[in-house]
Amino acid sequence: MILLGAYIYGDIPLEKAVTIYGSEDTVLDKSKIDYTENVFAIEGGNHAQFGNYGKQKGDGNAGITTDEQQEKAVETILNFINQ
């Protein structure tokens, strides 16, 4: 399972999921990420830049471009899949 700006909910084994969020994401309730296995923060990323739909209400300002954030997310996902 690949979670972008989201957290595990329910009975999902931690080793079968990767959680990726942006350090400037103010939409995601990070207190729900009460696990540490396969959790990665993209420095300067926010919630909306995992998609291509523009700024999201309540989200933080990104310190990196959408392309940079998405490239880092893809790299993290590939590393998770290939581990």
Protein backbone atom coordinates (compact mmCIF):
# COMPACT_ATOMS: atom_id res chain seq x y z
CA MET A 1 0.00 0.00 0.00
CA ILE A 2 1.33 3.43 -0.92
CA LEU A 3 0.01 6.37 1.11
CA LEU A 4 0.68 9.92 -0.07
CA GLY A 5 -0.32 12.52 2.48
CA ALA A 6 -2.27 9.83 4.34
CA TYR A 7 -1.84 7.33 7.15
CA ILE A 8 -2.56 3.67 7.78
CA TYR A 9 -6.06 3.01 9.04
CA GLY A 10 -7.16 -0.46 9.97
CA ASP A 11 -5.37 -3.77 9.98
CA ILE A 12 -2.60 -3.13 7.44
CA PRO A 13 0.80 -4.70 8.18
CA LEU A 14 3.41 -1.95 8.50
CA GLU A 15 5.90 -3.82 6.35
CA LYS A 16 3.41 -3.80 3.46
CA ALA A 17 2.79 -0.05 3.48
CA VAL A 18 4.80 3.11 2.88
CA THR A 19 3.65 6.47 4.22
CA ILE A 20 4.98 9.58 2.48
CA TYR A 21 4.02 13.12 3.45
CA GLY A 22 5.33 16.65 2.97
CA SER A 23 6.96 18.48 5.86
CA GLU A 24 4.72 21.50 5.11
CA ASP A 25 1.51 19.44 4.89
CA THR A 26 -0.99 21.10 7.22
CA VAL A 27 -3.97 19.10 5.94
CA LEU A 28 -2.76 15.70 7.15
CA ASP A 29 -3.31 14.93 10.84
CA LYS A 30 0.26 13.78 11.54
CA SER A 31 -0.71 12.68 15.05
CA LYS A 32 -2.38 9.68 13.38
CA ILE A 33 1.02 8.50 12.16
CA ASP A 34 1.80 6.69 15.39
CA TYR A 35 4.21 4.26 13.73
CA THR A 36 7.73 4.73 12.34
CA GLU A 37 8.26 1.85 9.94
CA ASN A 38 8.34 2.95 6.29
CA VAL A 39 7.43 6.57 7.06
CA PHE A 40 9.11 9.31 5.01
CA ALA A 41 8.76 13.10 5.08
CA ILE A 42 9.64 15.08 1.98
CA GLU A 43 11.30 18.29 3.18
CA GLY A 44 9.54 21.32 1.74
CA GLY A 45 6.65 19.30 0.36
CA ASN A 46 3.00 19.93 1.14
CA HIS A 47 -0.28 18.02 0.73
CA ALA A 48 -1.50 19.34 -2.62
CA GLN A 49 1.70 18.73 -4.57
CA PHE A 50 1.22 14.97 -4.51
CA GLY A 51 -1.41 15.73 -7.16
CA ASN A 52 -1.67 18.35 -9.88
CA TYR A 53 -4.76 20.24 -8.80
CA GLY A 54 -3.21 23.41 -7.39
CA LYS A 55 -3.26 24.87 -3.91
CA GLN A 56 -5.50 23.20 -1.36
CA LYS A 57 -7.38 25.14 1.31
CA GLY A 58 -5.66 24.84 4.68
CA ASP A 59 -2.42 23.47 3.25
CA GLY A 60 1.03 24.84 4.02
CA ASN A 61 3.21 26.61 1.48
CA ALA A 62 5.62 24.28 -0.27
CA GLY A 63 9.31 25.08 -0.28
CA ILE A 64 9.96 22.89 -3.34
CA THR A 65 8.29 22.59 -6.72
CA THR A 66 5.59 20.06 -7.56
CA ASP A 67 8.03 18.28 -9.87
CA GLU A 68 10.64 18.02 -7.11
CA GLN A 69 8.13 16.66 -4.64
CA GLN A 70 6.73 14.13 -7.07
CA GLU A 71 10.22 12.99 -8.13
CA LYS A 72 11.16 12.43 -4.47
CA ALA A 73 7.91 10.55 -3.91
CA VAL A 74 8.55 8.28 -6.91
CA GLU A 75 12.11 7.61 -5.72
CA THR A 76 10.84 6.69 -2.25
CA ILE A 77 8.13 4.44 -3.68
CA LEU A 78 10.60 2.62 -5.94
CA ASN A 79 12.99 2.10 -3.02
CA PHE A 80 10.11 0.65 -0.98
CA ILE A 81 8.99 -1.69 -3.77
CA ASN A 82 12.55 -2.87 -4.45
CA GLN A 83 13.55 -3.53 -0.83
